[in-house]
Amino acid sequence: MARFYFDSGDRDLFFEDEIGVECAGLDEVRRAGFEGLIDLTRESLKSIDGQQLFIEVRDENGDKILRLSLSLQVKLMK
């Protein structure tokens, strides 16, 4: 198994994963990234002013291989 690093952030902050997670392949990496984005969303959506959240996955060589992102925007219609 290879080690992958799941960096995360929003419009203003960036957190670099220094520990990483061992995954068997890209399907497992994608699943772990998606679950991480869900967790990040739960923690970060304290304000409804709009958010842009992301998870970027790096391989053992430091190459970015996957980006998952979520954008929430609230508009008043009146």
PDB file of N, CA and C in Angstrom:
ATOM      1  N   MET A   1       0.839  -1.184   0.000  1.00  0.00           N
ATOM      2  CA  MET A   1       0.000   0.000   0.000  1.00  0.00           C
ATOM      3  C   MET A   1       0.880   1.242   0.000  1.00  0.00           C
ATOM      4  N   ALA A   2       0.370   2.260  -0.622  1.00  0.00           N
ATOM      5  CA  ALA A   2       1.092   3.530  -0.702  1.00  0.00           C
ATOM      6  C   ALA A   2       0.486   4.528   0.285  1.00  0.00           C
ATOM      7  N   ARG A   3       1.283   5.518   0.658  1.00  0.00           N
ATOM      8  CA  ARG A   3       0.824   6.565   1.580  1.00  0.00           C
ATOM      9  C   ARG A   3       0.407   7.780   0.766  1.00  0.00           C
ATOM     10  N   PHE A   4      -0.749   8.345   1.147  1.00  0.00           N
ATOM     11  CA  PHE A   4      -1.287   9.537   0.508  1.00  0.00           C
ATOM     12  C   PHE A   4      -1.544  10.592   1.572  1.00  0.00           C
ATOM     13  N   TYR A   5      -1.430  11.850   1.176  1.00  0.00           N
ATOM     14  CA  TYR A   5      -1.569  12.981   2.090  1.00  0.00           C
ATOM     15  C   TYR A   5      -2.773  13.815   1.675  1.00  0.00           C
ATOM     16  N   PHE A   6      -3.634  14.104   2.637  1.00  0.00           N
ATOM     17  CA  PHE A   6      -4.904  14.776   2.387  1.00  0.00           C
ATOM     18  C   PHE A   6      -4.855  16.189   2.965  1.00  0.00           C
ATOM     19  N   ASP A   7      -4.397  17.130   2.158  1.00  0.00           N
ATOM     20  CA  ASP A   7      -4.359  18.533   2.567  1.00  0.00           C
ATOM     21  C   ASP A   7      -5.769  19.096   2.480  1.00  0.00           C
ATOM     22  N   SER A   8      -6.078  20.096   3.300  1.00  0.00           N
ATOM     23  CA  SER A   8      -7.433  20.640   3.293  1.00  0.00           C
ATOM     24  C   SER A   8      -7.403  22.143   3.529  1.00  0.00           C
ATOM     25  N   GLY A   9      -8.520  22.774   3.204  1.00  0.00           N
ATOM     26  CA  GLY A   9      -8.595  24.199   3.443  1.00  0.00           C
ATOM     27  C   GLY A   9      -9.891  24.805   2.949  1.00  0.00           C
ATOM     28  N   ASP A  10      -9.921  26.133   3.058  1.00  0.00           N
ATOM     29  CA  ASP A  10     -11.049  26.905   2.552  1.00  0.00           C
ATOM     30  C   ASP A  10     -10.489  28.150   1.883  1.00  0.00           C
ATOM     31  N   ARG A  11     -11.308  29.164   1.737  1.00  0.00           N
ATOM     32  CA  ARG A  11     -10.843  30.386   1.053  1.00  0.00           C
ATOM     33  C   ARG A  11      -9.650  31.023   1.754  1.00  0.00           C
ATOM     34  N   ASP A  12      -9.590  30.897   3.076  1.00  0.00           N
ATOM     35  CA  ASP A  12      -8.597  31.635   3.853  1.00  0.00           C
ATOM     36  C   ASP A  12      -7.501  30.779   4.492  1.00  0.00           C
ATOM     37  N   LEU A  13      -7.745  29.512   4.673  1.00  0.00           N
ATOM     38  CA  LEU A  13      -6.814  28.662   5.410  1.00  0.00           C
ATOM     39  C   LEU A  13      -6.401  27.442   4.602  1.00  0.00           C
ATOM     40  N   PHE A  14      -5.177  26.961   4.874  1.00  0.00           N
ATOM     41  CA  PHE A  14      -4.666  25.757   4.241  1.00  0.00           C
ATOM     42  C   PHE A  14      -3.975  24.919   5.310  1.00  0.00           C
ATOM     43  N   PHE A  15      -4.345  23.646   5.380  1.00  0.00           N
ATOM     44  CA  PHE A  15      -3.739  22.737   6.348  1.00  0.00           C
ATOM     45  C   PHE A  15      -3.062  21.609   5.592  1.00  0.00           C
ATOM     46  N   GLU A  16      -1.765  21.448   5.814  1.00  0.00           N
ATOM     47  CA  GLU A  16      -1.007  20.397   5.143  1.00  0.00           C
ATOM     48  C   GLU A  16      -0.971  19.148   6.006  1.00  0.00           C
ATOM     49  N   ASP A  17      -1.363  18.039   5.417  1.00  0.00           N
ATOM     50  CA  ASP A  17      -1.335  16.742   6.088  1.00  0.00           C
ATOM     51  C   ASP A  17       0.110  16.265   6.132  1.00  0.00           C
ATOM     52  N   GLU A  18       0.649  16.114   7.327  1.00  0.00           N
ATOM     53  CA  GLU A  18       2.036  15.675   7.475  1.00  0.00           C
ATOM     54  C   GLU A  18       2.147  14.193   7.813  1.00  0.00           C
ATOM     55  N   ILE A  19       1.005  13.555   8.109  1.00  0.00           N
ATOM     56  CA  ILE A  19       1.023  12.148   8.517  1.00  0.00           C
ATOM     57  C   ILE A  19       0.658  11.227   7.365  1.00  0.00           C
ATOM     58  N   GLY A  20      -0.421  11.523   6.676  1.00  0.00           N
ATOM     59  CA  GLY A  20      -0.862  10.710   5.557  1.00  0.00           C
ATOM     60  C   GLY A  20      -1.622   9.473   5.982  1.00  0.00           C
ATOM     61  N   VAL A  21      -2.150   8.783   4.980  1.00  0.00           N
ATOM     62  CA  VAL A  21      -2.941   7.566   5.191  1.00  0.00           C
ATOM     63  C   VAL A  21      -2.520   6.564   4.127  1.00  0.00           C
ATOM     64  N   GLU A  22      -2.373   5.313   4.529  1.00  0.00           N
ATOM     65  CA  GLU A  22      -2.071   4.271   3.555  1.00  0.00           C
ATOM     66  C   GLU A  22      -3.354   3.821   2.886  1.00  0.00           C
ATOM     67  N   CYS A  23      -3.345   3.781   1.560  1.00  0.00           N
ATOM     68  CA  CYS A  23      -4.500   3.366   0.771  1.00  0.00           C
ATOM     69  C   CYS A  23      -4.059   2.333  -0.260  1.00  0.00           C
ATOM     70  N   ALA A  24      -4.989   1.432  -0.584  1.00  0.00           N
ATOM     71  CA  ALA A  24      -4.681   0.341  -1.513  1.00  0.00           C
ATOM     72  C   ALA A  24      -4.697   0.780  -2.968  1.00  0.00           C
ATOM     73  N   GLY A  25      -5.389   1.857  -3.284  1.00  0.00           N
ATOM     74  CA  GLY A  25      -5.459   2.304  -4.669  1.00  0.00           C
ATOM     75  C   GLY A  25      -6.269   3.578  -4.791  1.00  0.00           C
ATOM     76  N   LEU A  26      -6.473   4.022  -6.022  1.00  0.00           N
ATOM     77  CA  LEU A  26      -7.151   5.298  -6.250  1.00  0.00           C
ATOM     78  C   LEU A  26      -8.604   5.291  -5.805  1.00  0.00           C
ATOM     79  N   ASP A  27      -9.291   4.170  -5.900  1.00  0.00           N
ATOM     80  CA  ASP A  27     -10.673   4.120  -5.413  1.00  0.00           C
ATOM     81  C   ASP A  27     -10.729   4.389  -3.908  1.00  0.00           C
ATOM     82  N   GLU A  28      -9.811   3.799  -3.189  1.00  0.00           N
ATOM     83  CA  GLU A  28      -9.757   4.026  -1.739  1.00  0.00           C
ATOM     84  C   GLU A  28      -9.346   5.463  -1.422  1.00  0.00           C
ATOM     85  N   VAL A  29      -8.442   6.020  -2.212  1.00  0.00           N
ATOM     86  CA  VAL A  29      -8.032   7.425  -2.034  1.00  0.00           C
ATOM     87  C   VAL A  29      -9.227   8.344  -2.261  1.00  0.00           C
ATOM     88  N   ARG A  30      -9.973   8.101  -3.321  1.00  0.00           N
ATOM     89  CA  ARG A  30     -11.143   8.921  -3.643  1.00  0.00           C
ATOM     90  C   ARG A  30     -12.184   8.841  -2.516  1.00  0.00           C
ATOM     91  N   ARG A  31     -12.427   7.644  -2.020  1.00  0.00           N
ATOM     92  CA  ARG A  31     -13.383   7.447  -0.934  1.00  0.00           C
ATOM     93  C   ARG A  31     -12.931   8.164   0.335  1.00  0.00           C
ATOM     94  N   ALA A  32     -11.662   8.037   0.666  1.00  0.00           N
ATOM     95  CA  ALA A  32     -11.134   8.712   1.860  1.00  0.00           C
ATOM     96  C   ALA A  32     -11.187  10.231   1.697  1.00  0.00           C
ATOM     97  N   GLY A  33     -10.896  10.722   0.512  1.00  0.00           N
ATOM     98  CA  GLY A  33     -10.973  12.156   0.253  1.00  0.00           C
ATOM     99  C   GLY A  33     -12.386  12.671   0.376  1.00  0.00           C
ATOM    100  N   PHE A  34     -13.348  11.912  -0.140  1.00  0.00           N
ATOM    101  CA  PHE A  34     -14.758  12.297  -0.060  1.00  0.00           C
ATOM    102  C   PHE A  34     -15.218  12.331   1.394  1.00  0.00           C
ATOM    103  N   GLU A  35     -14.856  11.315   2.164  1.00  0.00           N
ATOM    104  CA  GLU A  35     -15.224  11.281   3.581  1.00  0.00           C
ATOM    105  C   GLU A  35     -14.574  12.441   4.332  1.00  0.00           C
ATOM    106  N   GLY A  36     -13.342  12.768   3.976  1.00  0.00           N
ATOM    107  CA  GLY A  36     -12.665  13.908   4.593  1.00  0.00           C
ATOM    108  C   GLY A  36     -13.355  15.214   4.267  1.00  0.00           C
ATOM    109  N   LEU A  37     -13.824  15.364   3.037  1.00  0.00           N
ATOM    110  CA  LEU A  37     -14.531  16.582   2.645  1.00  0.00           C
ATOM    111  C   LEU A  37     -15.854  16.702   3.402  1.00  0.00           C
ATOM    112  N   ILE A  38     -16.547  15.593   3.611  1.00  0.00           N
ATOM    113  CA  ILE A  38     -17.784  15.610   4.395  1.00  0.00           C
ATOM    114  C   ILE A  38     -17.493  16.065   5.820  1.00  0.00           C
ATOM    115  N   ASP A  39     -16.451  15.511   6.438  1.00  0.00           N
ATOM    116  CA  ASP A  39     -16.081  15.914   7.798  1.00  0.00           C
ATOM    117  C   ASP A  39     -15.698  17.391   7.857  1.00  0.00           C
ATOM    118  N   LEU A  40     -14.917  17.842   6.884  1.00  0.00           N
ATOM    119  CA  LEU A  40     -14.504  19.242   6.825  1.00  0.00           C
ATOM    120  C   LEU A  40     -15.723  20.147   6.689  1.00  0.00           C
ATOM    121  N   THR A  41     -16.696  19.729   5.906  1.00  0.00           N
ATOM    122  CA  THR A  41     -17.911  20.512   5.707  1.00  0.00           C
ATOM    123  C   THR A  41     -18.673  20.650   7.019  1.00  0.00           C
ATOM    124  N   ARG A  42     -18.821  19.569   7.741  1.00  0.00           N
ATOM    125  CA  ARG A  42     -19.531  19.609   9.030  1.00  0.00           C
ATOM    126  C   ARG A  42     -18.842  20.569  10.000  1.00  0.00           C
ATOM    127  N   GLU A  43     -17.544  20.581  10.010  1.00  0.00           N
ATOM    128  CA  GLU A  43     -16.790  21.430  10.931  1.00  0.00           C
ATOM    129  C   GLU A  43     -16.785  22.892  10.504  1.00  0.00           C
ATOM    130  N   SER A  44     -16.822  23.151   9.209  1.00  0.00           N
ATOM    131  CA  SER A  44     -16.576  24.490   8.686  1.00  0.00           C
ATOM    132  C   SER A  44     -17.817  25.317   8.408  1.00  0.00           C
ATOM    133  N   LEU A  45     -18.947  24.693   8.221  1.00  0.00           N
ATOM    134  CA  LEU A  45     -20.134  25.446   7.818  1.00  0.00           C
ATOM    135  C   LEU A  45     -20.883  26.026   9.023  1.00  0.00           C
ATOM    136  N   LYS A  46     -20.178  26.824   9.797  1.00  0.00           N
ATOM    137  CA  LYS A  46     -20.780  27.488  10.945  1.00  0.00           C
ATOM    138  C   LYS A  46     -21.427  28.796  10.522  1.00  0.00           C
ATOM    139  N   SER A  47     -21.054  29.281   9.376  1.00  0.00           N
ATOM    140  CA  SER A  47     -21.574  30.528   8.833  1.00  0.00           C
ATOM    141  C   SER A  47     -22.189  30.212   7.477  1.00  0.00           C
ATOM    142  N   ILE A  48     -23.302  30.866   7.152  1.00  0.00           N
ATOM    143  CA  ILE A  48     -23.922  30.627   5.858  1.00  0.00           C
ATOM    144  C   ILE A  48     -23.604  31.735   4.868  1.00  0.00           C
ATOM    145  N   ASP A  49     -22.531  32.463   5.113  1.00  0.00           N
ATOM    146  CA  ASP A  49     -22.121  33.546   4.223  1.00  0.00           C
ATOM    147  C   ASP A  49     -21.469  33.026   2.953  1.00  0.00           C
ATOM    148  N   GLY A  50     -21.268  31.745   2.869  1.00  0.00           N
ATOM    149  CA  GLY A  50     -20.620  31.161   1.698  1.00  0.00           C
ATOM    150  C   GLY A  50     -19.292  30.544   2.083  1.00  0.00           C
ATOM    151  N   GLN A  51     -19.047  29.397   1.563  1.00  0.00           N
ATOM    152  CA  GLN A  51     -17.815  28.672   1.859  1.00  0.00           C
ATOM    153  C   GLN A  51     -17.287  28.031   0.585  1.00  0.00           C
ATOM    154  N   GLN A  52     -15.991  27.880   0.533  1.00  0.00           N
ATOM    155  CA  GLN A  52     -15.332  27.115  -0.522  1.00  0.00           C
ATOM    156  C   GLN A  52     -14.336  26.201   0.176  1.00  0.00           C
ATOM    157  N   LEU A  53     -14.642  24.929   0.229  1.00  0.00           N
ATOM    158  CA  LEU A  53     -13.826  23.958   0.943  1.00  0.00           C
ATOM    159  C   LEU A  53     -13.183  22.997  -0.051  1.00  0.00           C
ATOM    160  N   PHE A  54     -12.016  22.469   0.316  1.00  0.00           N
ATOM    161  CA  PHE A  54     -11.358  21.520  -0.584  1.00  0.00           C
ATOM    162  C   PHE A  54     -10.496  20.533   0.177  1.00  0.00           C
ATOM    163  N   ILE A  55     -10.274  19.404  -0.469  1.00  0.00           N
ATOM    164  CA  ILE A  55      -9.286  18.404  -0.057  1.00  0.00           C
ATOM    165  C   ILE A  55      -8.419  18.172  -1.288  1.00  0.00           C
ATOM    166  N   GLU A  56      -7.114  18.289  -1.137  1.00  0.00           N
ATOM    167  CA  GLU A  56      -6.167  17.950  -2.203  1.00  0.00           C
ATOM    168  C   GLU A  56      -5.341  16.766  -1.734  1.00  0.00           C
ATOM    169  N   VAL A  57      -5.214  15.785  -2.606  1.00  0.00           N
ATOM    170  CA  VAL A  57      -4.490  14.572  -2.248  1.00  0.00           C
ATOM    171  C   VAL A  57      -3.149  14.552  -2.972  1.00  0.00           C
ATOM    172  N   ARG A  58      -2.086  14.299  -2.178  1.00  0.00           N
ATOM    173  CA  ARG A  58      -0.733  14.152  -2.725  1.00  0.00           C
ATOM    174  C   ARG A  58      -0.288  12.707  -2.550  1.00  0.00           C
ATOM    175  N   ASP A  59       0.528  12.229  -3.490  1.00  0.00           N
ATOM    176  CA  ASP A  59       1.095  10.893  -3.342  1.00  0.00           C
ATOM    177  C   ASP A  59       2.400  10.978  -2.556  1.00  0.00           C
ATOM    178  N   GLU A  60       3.083   9.861  -2.432  1.00  0.00           N
ATOM    179  CA  GLU A  60       4.329   9.802  -1.654  1.00  0.00           C
ATOM    180  C   GLU A  60       5.425  10.705  -2.211  1.00  0.00           C
ATOM    181  N   ASN A  61       5.349  11.024  -3.509  1.00  0.00           N
ATOM    182  CA  ASN A  61       6.341  11.894  -4.137  1.00  0.00           C
ATOM    183  C   ASN A  61       5.997  13.377  -3.987  1.00  0.00           C
ATOM    184  N   GLY A  62       4.828  13.662  -3.399  1.00  0.00           N
ATOM    185  CA  GLY A  62       4.398  15.050  -3.248  1.00  0.00           C
ATOM    186  C   GLY A  62       3.607  15.570  -4.430  1.00  0.00           C
ATOM    187  N   ASP A  63       3.333  14.713  -5.419  1.00  0.00           N
ATOM    188  CA  ASP A  63       2.559  15.123  -6.591  1.00  0.00           C
ATOM    189  C   ASP A  63       1.073  15.135  -6.253  1.00  0.00           C
ATOM    190  N   LYS A  64       0.375  16.213  -6.625  1.00  0.00           N
ATOM    191  CA  LYS A  64      -1.067  16.285  -6.421  1.00  0.00           C
ATOM    192  C   LYS A  64      -1.744  15.363  -7.422  1.00  0.00           C
ATOM    193  N   ILE A  65      -2.632  14.498  -6.923  1.00  0.00           N
ATOM    194  CA  ILE A  65      -3.279  13.531  -7.804  1.00  0.00           C
ATOM    195  C   ILE A  65      -4.803  13.676  -7.827  1.00  0.00           C
ATOM    196  N   LEU A  66      -5.376  14.406  -6.863  1.00  0.00           N
ATOM    197  CA  LEU A  66      -6.828  14.497  -6.788  1.00  0.00           C
ATOM    198  C   LEU A  66      -7.217  15.742  -6.002  1.00  0.00           C
ATOM    199  N   ARG A  67      -8.277  16.406  -6.446  1.00  0.00           N
ATOM    200  CA  ARG A  67      -8.826  17.553  -5.708  1.00  0.00           C
ATOM    201  C   ARG A  67     -10.335  17.378  -5.626  1.00  0.00           C
ATOM    202  N   LEU A  68     -10.861  17.450  -4.417  1.00  0.00           N
ATOM    203  CA  LEU A  68     -12.292  17.424  -4.180  1.00  0.00           C
ATOM    204  C   LEU A  68     -12.651  18.777  -3.593  1.00  0.00           C
ATOM    205  N   SER A  69     -13.732  19.381  -4.062  1.00  0.00           N
ATOM    206  CA  SER A  69     -14.094  20.699  -3.551  1.00  0.00           C
ATOM    207  C   SER A  69     -15.599  20.830  -3.418  1.00  0.00           C
ATOM    208  N   LEU A  70     -15.995  21.747  -2.562  1.00  0.00           N
ATOM    209  CA  LEU A  70     -17.395  22.027  -2.312  1.00  0.00           C
ATOM    210  C   LEU A  70     -17.544  23.525  -2.156  1.00  0.00           C
ATOM    211  N   SER A  71     -18.553  24.069  -2.813  1.00  0.00           N
ATOM    212  CA  SER A  71     -18.809  25.498  -2.730  1.00  0.00           C
ATOM    213  C   SER A  71     -20.254  25.710  -2.302  1.00  0.00           C
ATOM    214  N   LEU A  72     -20.462  26.552  -1.299  1.00  0.00           N
ATOM    215  CA  LEU A  72     -21.796  26.896  -0.833  1.00  0.00           C
ATOM    216  C   LEU A  72     -21.952  28.397  -0.944  1.00  0.00           C
ATOM    217  N   GLN A  73     -23.018  28.803  -1.601  1.00  0.00           N
ATOM    218  CA  GLN A  73     -23.281  30.219  -1.762  1.00  0.00           C
ATOM    219  C   GLN A  73     -24.742  30.462  -1.441  1.00  0.00           C
ATOM    220  N   VAL A  74     -24.995  31.496  -0.659  1.00  0.00           N
ATOM    221  CA  VAL A  74     -26.350  31.851  -0.288  1.00  0.00           C
ATOM    222  C   VAL A  74     -26.654  33.230  -0.862  1.00  0.00           C
ATOM    223  N   LYS A  75     -27.773  33.322  -1.611  1.00  0.00           N
ATOM    224  CA  LYS A  75     -28.160  34.598  -2.207  1.00  0.00           C
ATOM    225  C   LYS A  75     -29.567  34.972  -1.761  1.00  0.00           C
ATOM    226  N   LEU A  76     -29.740  36.176  -1.321  1.00  0.00           N
ATOM    227  CA  LEU A  76     -31.036  36.708  -0.965  1.00  0.00           C
ATOM    228  C   LEU A  76     -31.747  37.087  -2.250  1.00  0.00           C
ATOM    229  N   MET A  77     -32.962  36.617  -2.457  1.00  0.00           N
ATOM    230  CA  MET A  77     -33.662  36.805  -3.720  1.00  0.00           C
ATOM    231  C   MET A  77     -34.533  38.061  -3.739  1.00  0.00           C
ATOM    232  N   LYS A  78     -34.617  38.788  -2.653  1.00  0.00           N
ATOM    233  CA  LYS A  78     -35.427  40.012  -2.629  1.00  0.00           C
ATOM    234  C   LYS A  78     -34.554  41.226  -2.597  1.00  0.00           C
TER     235      LYS A  78
END
